[in-house]
Amino acid sequence: MGHWALLILSMVIMVYLVYVIIHPEKF
């Protein structure tokens, strides 16, 4: 379970960082 949780967490973090970089005016 830990491996999948870590994988999903890393994917969510990368998507969030990309979203922040693309839409910086919202933060």
C-alpha atoms as a PDB file:
ATOM      1  CA  MET A   1       0.000   0.000   0.000  1.00  0.00           C
ATOM      2  CA  GLY A   2       2.806   2.382   0.890  1.00  0.00           C
ATOM      3  CA  HIS A   3       4.336   2.122  -2.581  1.00  0.00           C
ATOM      4  CA  TRP A   4       1.085   3.013  -4.337  1.00  0.00           C
ATOM      5  CA  ALA A   5       0.343   5.801  -1.852  1.00  0.00           C
ATOM      6  CA  LEU A   6       3.796   7.302  -2.465  1.00  0.00           C
ATOM      7  CA  LEU A   7       3.376   7.012  -6.242  1.00  0.00           C
ATOM      8  CA  ILE A   8      -0.046   8.682  -6.204  1.00  0.00           C
ATOM      9  CA  LEU A   9       1.199  11.393  -3.847  1.00  0.00           C
ATOM     10  CA  SER A  10       4.165  12.197  -6.089  1.00  0.00           C
ATOM     11  CA  MET A  11       1.900  12.379  -9.150  1.00  0.00           C
ATOM     12  CA  VAL A  12      -0.504  14.719  -7.348  1.00  0.00           C
ATOM     13  CA  ILE A  13       2.384  16.954  -6.270  1.00  0.00           C
ATOM     14  CA  MET A  14       3.775  17.147  -9.815  1.00  0.00           C
ATOM     15  CA  VAL A  15       0.353  17.981 -11.267  1.00  0.00           C
ATOM     16  CA  TYR A  16      -0.147  20.658  -8.593  1.00  0.00           C
ATOM     17  CA  LEU A  17       3.264  22.211  -9.324  1.00  0.00           C
ATOM     18  CA  VAL A  18       2.535  22.274 -13.065  1.00  0.00           C
ATOM     19  CA  TYR A  19      -0.850  23.905 -12.380  1.00  0.00           C
ATOM     20  CA  VAL A  20       0.762  26.564 -10.167  1.00  0.00           C
ATOM     21  CA  ILE A  21       3.396  27.275 -12.835  1.00  0.00           C
ATOM     22  CA  ILE A  22       0.764  27.598 -15.574  1.00  0.00           C
ATOM     23  CA  HIS A  23      -1.698  29.656 -13.479  1.00  0.00           C
ATOM     24  CA  PRO A  24       0.431  31.779 -11.101  1.00  0.00           C
ATOM     25  CA  GLU A  25      -2.079  34.636 -11.015  1.00  0.00           C
ATOM     26  CA  LYS A  26      -4.453  32.556  -8.871  1.00  0.00           C
ATOM     27  CA  PHE A  27      -1.967  32.245  -5.980  1.00  0.00           C
END
